[in-house]
Amino acid sequence: QVQPVESGGGSVQTGGSLRLSCVAPGYKAVSRYCMGWFRRSPGKEREMVASLDSIGRRWHANSVKGRFAISEDNDKDALYLQMSLLKPEDSAMYYCAADLLGFCVSSDFTYWGQGTQVTVSA
């Protein structure tokens, strides 16, 4: 029903910034939703780093709080993740996902993008 497509990944040095984009046509038409950014690196479990729901609530994981900011475009079905002060431990494949129940629970995200790679070098 909702198919996210991510872009904006790349390679940066420690302290740099990247802006990830997620286009997911139709997600704002859902009565209740939660859009999220997740990341996974080799040998680690998937981690939810940020989410935004249909009434405007935002959440950021403690590991990225103050450095990452999730947002959405008011006129488009588009989601963003502004990443600043990047660290090597932020290196991961980043995924955009949609939860059409709207509770922002990890297991409820059932629509996933292909991912975009972020690499931060020291």
N, C-alpha and C. Protein backbone atom coordinates (compact mmCIF):
# COMPACT_ATOMS: atom_id res chain seq x y z
N GLN A 1 0.83 -1.20 0.00
CA GLN A 1 0.00 0.00 0.00
C GLN A 1 0.87 1.26 0.00
N VAL A 2 1.94 1.24 0.78
CA VAL A 2 2.89 2.34 0.84
C VAL A 2 4.27 1.76 0.58
N GLN A 3 4.95 2.31 -0.43
CA GLN A 3 6.27 1.82 -0.79
C GLN A 3 7.32 2.92 -0.64
N PRO A 4 8.07 2.89 0.47
CA PRO A 4 9.10 3.92 0.66
C PRO A 4 10.30 3.71 -0.26
N VAL A 5 10.89 4.82 -0.68
CA VAL A 5 12.12 4.82 -1.47
C VAL A 5 13.06 5.84 -0.86
N GLU A 6 14.23 5.38 -0.42
CA GLU A 6 15.20 6.25 0.23
C GLU A 6 16.25 6.76 -0.75
N SER A 7 16.86 7.87 -0.38
CA SER A 7 18.00 8.40 -1.10
C SER A 7 18.79 9.30 -0.17
N GLY A 8 19.98 9.68 -0.59
CA GLY A 8 20.76 10.65 0.16
C GLY A 8 21.95 10.11 0.92
N GLY A 9 22.12 8.80 0.95
CA GLY A 9 23.26 8.23 1.64
C GLY A 9 24.56 8.55 0.93
N GLY A 10 25.66 8.30 1.62
CA GLY A 10 26.96 8.56 1.06
C GLY A 10 28.05 8.39 2.09
N SER A 11 29.24 8.83 1.74
CA SER A 11 30.41 8.74 2.61
C SER A 11 30.82 10.12 3.08
N VAL A 12 31.00 10.26 4.38
CA VAL A 12 31.43 11.52 4.97
C VAL A 12 32.46 11.25 6.05
N GLN A 13 33.14 12.30 6.46
CA GLN A 13 34.08 12.20 7.56
C GLN A 13 33.39 12.50 8.88
N THR A 14 34.02 12.06 9.95
CA THR A 14 33.50 12.34 11.28
C THR A 14 33.19 13.82 11.44
N GLY A 15 32.02 14.11 11.98
CA GLY A 15 31.60 15.49 12.16
C GLY A 15 30.79 16.05 11.02
N GLY A 16 30.72 15.32 9.93
CA GLY A 16 29.99 15.78 8.77
C GLY A 16 28.49 15.60 8.89
N SER A 17 27.80 15.97 7.83
CA SER A 17 26.34 15.93 7.81
C SER A 17 25.84 15.27 6.54
N LEU A 18 24.68 14.65 6.65
CA LEU A 18 23.97 14.10 5.51
C LEU A 18 22.48 14.30 5.74
N ARG A 19 21.75 14.42 4.65
CA ARG A 19 20.30 14.51 4.71
C ARG A 19 19.71 13.37 3.90
N LEU A 20 19.04 12.46 4.58
CA LEU A 20 18.39 11.34 3.92
C LEU A 20 16.95 11.71 3.58
N SER A 21 16.49 11.24 2.45
CA SER A 21 15.12 11.48 2.01
C SER A 21 14.40 10.16 1.82
N CYS A 22 13.11 10.19 2.06
CA CYS A 22 12.25 9.03 1.85
C CYS A 22 10.97 9.51 1.18
N VAL A 23 10.72 9.00 0.00
CA VAL A 23 9.48 9.28 -0.71
C VAL A 23 8.59 8.05 -0.57
N ALA A 24 7.39 8.25 -0.05
CA ALA A 24 6.45 7.14 0.18
C ALA A 24 5.05 7.59 -0.20
N PRO A 25 4.72 7.58 -1.48
CA PRO A 25 3.42 8.07 -1.94
C PRO A 25 2.25 7.42 -1.22
N GLY A 26 1.34 8.25 -0.72
CA GLY A 26 0.12 7.77 -0.11
C GLY A 26 0.13 7.67 1.39
N TYR A 27 1.27 7.82 2.04
CA TYR A 27 1.27 7.55 3.48
C TYR A 27 0.45 8.55 4.27
N LYS A 28 0.38 9.78 3.84
CA LYS A 28 -0.41 10.78 4.58
C LYS A 28 -1.91 10.58 4.42
N ALA A 29 -2.35 9.76 3.48
CA ALA A 29 -3.76 9.47 3.31
C ALA A 29 -4.26 8.44 4.32
N VAL A 30 -3.35 7.76 4.98
CA VAL A 30 -3.71 6.79 6.00
C VAL A 30 -4.14 7.53 7.27
N SER A 31 -5.25 7.09 7.87
CA SER A 31 -5.80 7.81 9.01
C SER A 31 -4.82 7.91 10.17
N ARG A 32 -4.12 6.84 10.45
CA ARG A 32 -3.08 6.83 11.47
C ARG A 32 -1.86 6.11 10.93
N TYR A 33 -0.72 6.72 11.10
CA TYR A 33 0.52 6.12 10.61
C TYR A 33 1.68 6.51 11.50
N CYS A 34 2.74 5.79 11.34
CA CYS A 34 4.01 6.16 11.91
C CYS A 34 5.08 5.87 10.87
N MET A 35 5.86 6.86 10.55
CA MET A 35 6.97 6.69 9.64
C MET A 35 8.26 6.66 10.45
N GLY A 36 9.15 5.76 10.09
CA GLY A 36 10.36 5.60 10.88
C GLY A 36 11.61 5.44 10.04
N TRP A 37 12.72 5.80 10.65
CA TRP A 37 14.04 5.53 10.11
C TRP A 37 14.71 4.48 10.99
N PHE A 38 15.24 3.45 10.35
CA PHE A 38 15.95 2.37 11.01
C PHE A 38 17.35 2.26 10.44
N ARG A 39 18.23 1.62 11.18
CA ARG A 39 19.55 1.35 10.65
C ARG A 39 20.04 -0.02 11.09
N ARG A 40 20.89 -0.59 10.26
CA ARG A 40 21.51 -1.86 10.56
C ARG A 40 22.92 -1.88 10.02
N SER A 41 23.85 -2.33 10.85
CA SER A 41 25.23 -2.52 10.42
C SER A 41 25.60 -3.98 10.66
N PRO A 42 26.61 -4.49 9.97
CA PRO A 42 26.98 -5.89 10.11
C PRO A 42 27.25 -6.28 11.55
N GLY A 43 26.66 -7.39 11.98
CA GLY A 43 26.87 -7.89 13.32
C GLY A 43 26.02 -7.24 14.39
N LYS A 44 25.16 -6.31 14.01
CA LYS A 44 24.32 -5.63 14.98
C LYS A 44 22.84 -5.82 14.63
N GLU A 45 22.01 -5.72 15.65
CA GLU A 45 20.57 -5.80 15.45
C GLU A 45 20.05 -4.51 14.83
N ARG A 46 18.94 -4.63 14.14
CA ARG A 46 18.29 -3.45 13.59
C ARG A 46 17.90 -2.50 14.72
N GLU A 47 18.09 -1.22 14.50
CA GLU A 47 17.81 -0.20 15.50
C GLU A 47 16.91 0.86 14.90
N MET A 48 15.85 1.20 15.60
CA MET A 48 15.02 2.33 15.19
C MET A 48 15.67 3.60 15.70
N VAL A 49 15.93 4.54 14.81
CA VAL A 49 16.64 5.75 15.21
C VAL A 49 15.73 6.95 15.34
N ALA A 50 14.60 6.96 14.63
CA ALA A 50 13.70 8.10 14.71
C ALA A 50 12.34 7.71 14.15
N SER A 51 11.30 8.38 14.61
CA SER A 51 9.96 8.15 14.08
C SER A 51 9.13 9.41 14.16
N LEU A 52 8.10 9.44 13.34
CA LEU A 52 7.17 10.57 13.29
C LEU A 52 5.79 10.00 12.99
N ASP A 53 4.78 10.38 13.79
CA ASP A 53 3.46 9.84 13.58
C ASP A 53 2.49 10.86 13.01
N SER A 54 1.26 10.41 12.76
CA SER A 54 0.28 11.20 12.03
C SER A 54 -0.28 12.39 12.80
N ILE A 55 0.00 12.49 14.10
CA ILE A 55 -0.41 13.67 14.84
C ILE A 55 0.79 14.55 15.21
N GLY A 56 1.92 14.27 14.59
CA GLY A 56 3.06 15.15 14.73
C GLY A 56 4.04 14.80 15.83
N ARG A 57 3.85 13.69 16.50
CA ARG A 57 4.80 13.29 17.53
C ARG A 57 6.11 12.82 16.90
N ARG A 58 7.21 13.22 17.49
CA ARG A 58 8.53 12.82 17.02
C ARG A 58 9.30 12.14 18.15
N TRP A 59 10.09 11.15 17.76
CA TRP A 59 10.90 10.41 18.70
C TRP A 59 12.26 10.15 18.08
N HIS A 60 13.30 10.26 18.90
CA HIS A 60 14.65 9.96 18.45
C HIS A 60 15.34 9.07 19.48
N ALA A 61 16.05 8.08 19.01
CA ALA A 61 16.80 7.21 19.90
C ALA A 61 17.84 8.01 20.66
N ASN A 62 18.12 7.57 21.88
CA ASN A 62 19.11 8.27 22.69
C ASN A 62 20.47 8.38 22.00
N SER A 63 20.81 7.37 21.21
CA SER A 63 22.10 7.36 20.55
C SER A 63 22.26 8.45 19.50
N VAL A 64 21.14 9.02 19.03
CA VAL A 64 21.21 10.05 17.99
C VAL A 64 20.57 11.35 18.42
N LYS A 65 19.98 11.39 19.59
CA LYS A 65 19.27 12.57 20.06
C LYS A 65 20.20 13.78 20.10
N GLY A 66 19.73 14.88 19.54
CA GLY A 66 20.54 16.08 19.48
C GLY A 66 21.39 16.18 18.24
N ARG A 67 21.54 15.08 17.51
CA ARG A 67 22.34 15.07 16.29
C ARG A 67 21.50 14.80 15.05
N PHE A 68 20.48 13.96 15.18
CA PHE A 68 19.60 13.63 14.07
C PHE A 68 18.25 14.28 14.29
N ALA A 69 17.57 14.63 13.22
CA ALA A 69 16.24 15.20 13.31
C ALA A 69 15.36 14.66 12.19
N ILE A 70 14.24 14.07 12.56
CA ILE A 70 13.28 13.58 11.58
C ILE A 70 12.28 14.69 11.27
N SER A 71 11.84 14.75 10.03
CA SER A 71 10.87 15.74 9.62
C SER A 71 10.13 15.23 8.40
N GLU A 72 9.07 15.94 8.01
CA GLU A 72 8.35 15.60 6.80
C GLU A 72 7.97 16.86 6.06
N ASP A 73 7.73 16.71 4.77
CA ASP A 73 7.32 17.81 3.93
C ASP A 73 5.81 17.99 4.07
N ASN A 74 5.38 19.23 4.34
CA ASN A 74 3.96 19.49 4.55
C ASN A 74 3.11 19.25 3.30
N ASP A 75 3.71 19.36 2.13
CA ASP A 75 2.96 19.28 0.88
C ASP A 75 3.25 18.03 0.06
N LYS A 76 4.12 17.18 0.56
CA LYS A 76 4.48 15.97 -0.17
C LYS A 76 4.49 14.78 0.77
N ASP A 77 4.40 13.60 0.21
CA ASP A 77 4.55 12.37 1.00
C ASP A 77 6.03 12.04 1.07
N ALA A 78 6.73 12.89 1.79
CA ALA A 78 8.18 12.76 1.88
C ALA A 78 8.64 12.93 3.32
N LEU A 79 9.61 12.15 3.68
CA LEU A 79 10.17 12.12 5.02
C LEU A 79 11.67 12.37 4.91
N TYR A 80 12.24 12.99 5.94
CA TYR A 80 13.66 13.31 5.91
C TYR A 80 14.32 12.93 7.22
N LEU A 81 15.61 12.69 7.15
CA LEU A 81 16.42 12.51 8.35
C LEU A 81 17.66 13.37 8.18
N GLN A 82 17.71 14.48 8.90
CA GLN A 82 18.88 15.33 8.89
C GLN A 82 19.86 14.80 9.92
N MET A 83 21.05 14.45 9.48
CA MET A 83 22.06 13.88 10.34
C MET A 83 23.26 14.82 10.41
N SER A 84 23.64 15.19 11.62
CA SER A 84 24.75 16.08 11.84
C SER A 84 25.70 15.48 12.86
N LEU A 85 26.90 16.04 12.93
CA LEU A 85 27.92 15.55 13.87
C LEU A 85 28.06 14.04 13.79
N LEU A 86 28.17 13.54 12.59
CA LEU A 86 28.20 12.10 12.36
C LEU A 86 29.46 11.47 12.95
N LYS A 87 29.28 10.25 13.44
CA LYS A 87 30.35 9.47 14.05
C LYS A 87 30.51 8.16 13.29
N PRO A 88 31.68 7.54 13.37
CA PRO A 88 31.86 6.25 12.70
C PRO A 88 30.82 5.21 13.11
N GLU A 89 30.38 5.24 14.35
CA GLU A 89 29.38 4.29 14.80
C GLU A 89 28.00 4.51 14.19
N ASP A 90 27.82 5.62 13.48
CA ASP A 90 26.58 5.85 12.74
C ASP A 90 26.58 5.14 11.39
N SER A 91 27.70 4.60 10.98
CA SER A 91 27.78 3.90 9.71
C SER A 91 26.83 2.72 9.70
N ALA A 92 25.97 2.66 8.71
CA ALA A 92 24.96 1.61 8.63
C ALA A 92 24.18 1.76 7.34
N MET A 93 23.40 0.74 7.04
CA MET A 93 22.38 0.86 6.02
C MET A 93 21.15 1.45 6.70
N TYR A 94 20.64 2.54 6.16
CA TYR A 94 19.49 3.23 6.72
C TYR A 94 18.25 2.94 5.90
N TYR A 95 17.18 2.60 6.60
CA TYR A 95 15.93 2.23 5.96
C TYR A 95 14.79 3.13 6.41
N CYS A 96 13.92 3.45 5.50
CA CYS A 96 12.67 4.14 5.79
C CYS A 96 11.56 3.11 5.80
N ALA A 97 10.67 3.20 6.77
CA ALA A 97 9.59 2.22 6.87
C ALA A 97 8.30 2.87 7.34
N ALA A 98 7.19 2.24 7.00
CA ALA A 98 5.86 2.74 7.34
C ALA A 98 5.11 1.75 8.22
N ASP A 99 4.52 2.27 9.27
CA ASP A 99 3.65 1.53 10.18
C ASP A 99 2.25 2.12 10.02
N LEU A 100 1.33 1.34 9.48
CA LEU A 100 -0.01 1.84 9.21
C LEU A 100 -0.98 1.64 10.37
N LEU A 101 -0.49 1.20 11.51
CA LEU A 101 -1.28 1.17 12.75
C LEU A 101 -1.07 2.44 13.56
N GLY A 102 0.10 3.03 13.46
CA GLY A 102 0.34 4.32 14.05
C GLY A 102 0.87 4.33 15.46
N PHE A 103 1.30 3.19 15.97
CA PHE A 103 1.81 3.12 17.33
C PHE A 103 3.33 3.25 17.42
N CYS A 104 4.01 3.27 16.29
CA CYS A 104 5.46 3.39 16.24
C CYS A 104 6.17 2.25 16.96
N VAL A 105 5.59 1.07 16.90
CA VAL A 105 6.19 -0.12 17.46
C VAL A 105 6.98 -0.82 16.36
N SER A 106 8.20 -1.20 16.67
CA SER A 106 9.11 -1.73 15.66
C SER A 106 8.49 -2.85 14.83
N SER A 107 7.81 -3.78 15.49
CA SER A 107 7.25 -4.93 14.79
C SER A 107 6.08 -4.57 13.88
N ASP A 108 5.54 -3.37 14.00
CA ASP A 108 4.41 -2.95 13.19
C ASP A 108 4.81 -2.26 11.89
N PHE A 109 6.09 -2.03 11.70
CA PHE A 109 6.56 -1.45 10.45
C PHE A 109 6.62 -2.57 9.42
N THR A 110 5.73 -2.54 8.45
CA THR A 110 5.61 -3.63 7.49
C THR A 110 5.93 -3.23 6.06
N TYR A 111 6.14 -1.96 5.81
CA TYR A 111 6.48 -1.47 4.49
C TYR A 111 7.86 -0.84 4.55
N TRP A 112 8.78 -1.38 3.78
CA TRP A 112 10.19 -1.02 3.88
C TRP A 112 10.77 -0.60 2.54
N GLY A 113 11.67 0.37 2.61
CA GLY A 113 12.44 0.73 1.45
C GLY A 113 13.63 -0.20 1.27
N GLN A 114 14.41 0.05 0.23
CA GLN A 114 15.57 -0.78 -0.07
C GLN A 114 16.79 -0.42 0.74
N GLY A 115 16.80 0.77 1.33
CA GLY A 115 17.91 1.20 2.14
C GLY A 115 18.87 2.11 1.39
N THR A 116 19.57 2.93 2.14
CA THR A 116 20.62 3.77 1.60
C THR A 116 21.81 3.74 2.56
N GLN A 117 23.00 3.55 2.01
CA GLN A 117 24.19 3.32 2.82
C GLN A 117 24.79 4.63 3.30
N VAL A 118 25.10 4.67 4.59
CA VAL A 118 25.82 5.80 5.19
C VAL A 118 27.13 5.27 5.76
N THR A 119 28.22 5.88 5.34
CA THR A 119 29.54 5.49 5.84
C THR A 119 30.25 6.72 6.38
N VAL A 120 30.67 6.63 7.64
CA VAL A 120 31.35 7.74 8.30
C VAL A 120 32.76 7.27 8.64
N SER A 121 33.74 7.95 8.11
CA SER A 121 35.14 7.58 8.33
C SER A 121 35.78 8.49 9.37
N ALA A 122 36.70 7.91 10.13
CA ALA A 122 37.42 8.68 11.13
C ALA A 122 38.55 9.49 10.51
